[in-house]
C-alpha atoms as a PDB file:
ATOM      1  CA  MET A   1      86.313  79.084  39.792  1.00  0.00           C
ATOM      2  CA  SER A   2      84.936  78.281  36.770  1.00  0.00           C
ATOM      3  CA  ALA A   3      81.060  79.008  36.211  1.00  0.00           C
ATOM      4  CA  ARG A   4      80.840  75.314  36.018  1.00  0.00           C
ATOM      5  CA  ARG A   5      82.691  75.357  40.163  1.00  0.00           C
ATOM      6  CA  ILE A   6      80.177  79.166  40.492  1.00  0.00           C
ATOM      7  CA  THR A   7      76.650  76.684  39.262  1.00  0.00           C
ATOM      8  CA  ARG A   8      77.923  74.249  41.497  1.00  0.00           C
ATOM      9  CA  ALA A   9      77.068  76.400  44.281  1.00  0.00           C
ATOM     10  CA  LEU A  10      74.613  77.947  43.075  1.00  0.00           C
ATOM     11  CA  ARG A  11      72.729  74.420  43.005  1.00  0.00           C
ATOM     12  CA  ARG A  12      73.377  73.361  46.315  1.00  0.00           C
ATOM     13  CA  LYS A  13      71.338  76.730  47.322  1.00  0.00           C
ATOM     14  CA  GLY A  14      68.555  76.477  44.734  1.00  0.00           C
ATOM     15  CA  VAL A  15      68.666  76.326  40.590  1.00  0.00           C
ATOM     16  CA  VAL A  16      70.459  78.018  38.631  1.00  0.00           C
ATOM     17  CA  ALA A  17      71.362  77.142  34.915  1.00  0.00           C
ATOM     18  CA  ARG A  18      74.740  77.547  34.006  1.00  0.00           C
ATOM     19  CA  CYS A  19      74.206  80.467  31.532  1.00  0.00           C
ATOM     20  CA  THR A  20      72.760  82.323  34.632  1.00  0.00           C
ATOM     21  CA  ALA A  21      76.340  82.034  36.145  1.00  0.00           C
ATOM     22  CA  GLU A  22      77.851  83.045  33.525  1.00  0.00           C
ATOM     23  CA  ARG A  23      76.008  86.251  32.859  1.00  0.00           C
ATOM     24  CA  LEU A  24      76.436  87.124  36.313  1.00  0.00           C
ATOM     25  CA  MET A  25      80.332  86.797  36.534  1.00  0.00           C
ATOM     26  CA  ALA A  26      80.254  88.514  33.691  1.00  0.00           C
ATOM     27  CA  GLU A  27      78.368  91.260  35.233  1.00  0.00           C
ATOM     28  CA  LEU A  28      80.696  91.019  38.139  1.00  0.00           C
ATOM     29  CA  GLY A  29      83.273  91.112  36.414  1.00  0.00           C
ATOM     30  CA  LEU A  30      84.992  87.655  37.935  1.00  0.00           C
ATOM     31  CA  GLU A  31      86.667  85.015  35.501  1.00  0.00           C
ATOM     32  CA  GLY A  32      88.252  82.180  36.123  1.00  0.00           C
ATOM     33  CA  VAL A  33      91.544  81.335  37.875  1.00  0.00           C
ATOM     34  CA  ILE A  34      93.725  79.723  34.605  1.00  0.00           C
ATOM     35  CA  ARG A  35      96.228  77.143  36.443  1.00  0.00           C
ATOM     36  CA  GLY A  36      99.468  76.222  34.860  1.00  0.00           C
ATOM     37  CA  ARG A  37     101.403  77.574  32.255  1.00  0.00           C
ATOM     38  CA  PRO A  38     100.164  77.700  28.422  1.00  0.00           C
ATOM     39  CA  HIS A  39     101.266  75.418  26.581  1.00  0.00           C
ATOM     40  CA  ARG A  40     103.306  75.548  23.275  1.00  0.00           C
ATOM     41  CA  THR A  41     101.681  74.341  20.306  1.00  0.00           C
ATOM     42  CA  ALA A  42     104.747  75.327  17.759  1.00  0.00           C
ATOM     43  CA  VAL A  43     108.522  75.705  18.077  1.00  0.00           C
ATOM     44  CA  PRO A  44     109.919  76.738  15.110  1.00  0.00           C
ATOM     45  CA  GLU A  45     113.653  74.658  14.489  1.00  0.00           C
ATOM     46  CA  PRO A  46     116.222  77.385  14.045  1.00  0.00           C
ATOM     47  CA  SER A  47     118.164  74.512  10.951  1.00  0.00           C
ATOM     48  CA  ALA A  48     114.817  73.949   9.558  1.00  0.00           C
ATOM     49  CA  PRO A  49     115.239  74.691   6.137  1.00  0.00           C
ATOM     50  CA  ARG A  50     112.587  77.946   4.693  1.00  0.00           C
ATOM     51  CA  PRO A  51     109.666  77.377   2.069  1.00  0.00           C
ATOM     52  CA  PRO A  52     111.001  79.190  -0.857  1.00  0.00           C
ATOM     53  CA  ASP A  53     109.717  82.052  -2.372  1.00  0.00           C
ATOM     54  CA  LEU A  54     107.822  81.263  -4.764  1.00  0.00           C
ATOM     55  CA  LEU A  55     105.534  85.544  -5.580  1.00  0.00           C
ATOM     56  CA  ASP A  56     110.063  86.479  -6.296  1.00  0.00           C
ATOM     57  CA  ARG A  57     109.484  89.441  -4.055  1.00  0.00           C
ATOM     58  CA  ASP A  58     112.127  92.021  -4.138  1.00  0.00           C
ATOM     59  CA  PHE A  59     112.879  94.020  -0.842  1.00  0.00           C
ATOM     60  CA  THR A  60     115.864  95.375  -1.786  1.00  0.00           C
ATOM     61  CA  ALA A  61     115.667  99.289  -1.963  1.00  0.00           C
ATOM     62  CA  SER A  62     118.888 101.712  -3.450  1.00  0.00           C
ATOM     63  CA  TRP A  63     117.126 104.415  -1.274  1.00  0.00           C
ATOM     64  CA  PRO A  64     114.443 105.436   1.259  1.00  0.00           C
ATOM     65  CA  ASP A  65     110.715 105.228   0.783  1.00  0.00           C
ATOM     66  CA  GLN A  66     110.957 102.950  -2.810  1.00  0.00           C
ATOM     67  CA  LEU A  67     109.508  99.909  -2.826  1.00  0.00           C
END
């Protein structure tokens, strides 16, 4: 349950601010349930061109621990 729902339930029994409900939930270790799958906002296209290397970085090494 979210703090919003807990606040509404507690207000029916008495006057409780939302910050009080959030504080009490934190003290008791209660968290709201997140339903559904998280939304993925950025999906990289495998065939999309990669941006150019503007710094001319060279990561090739002829032996270990060279760079």
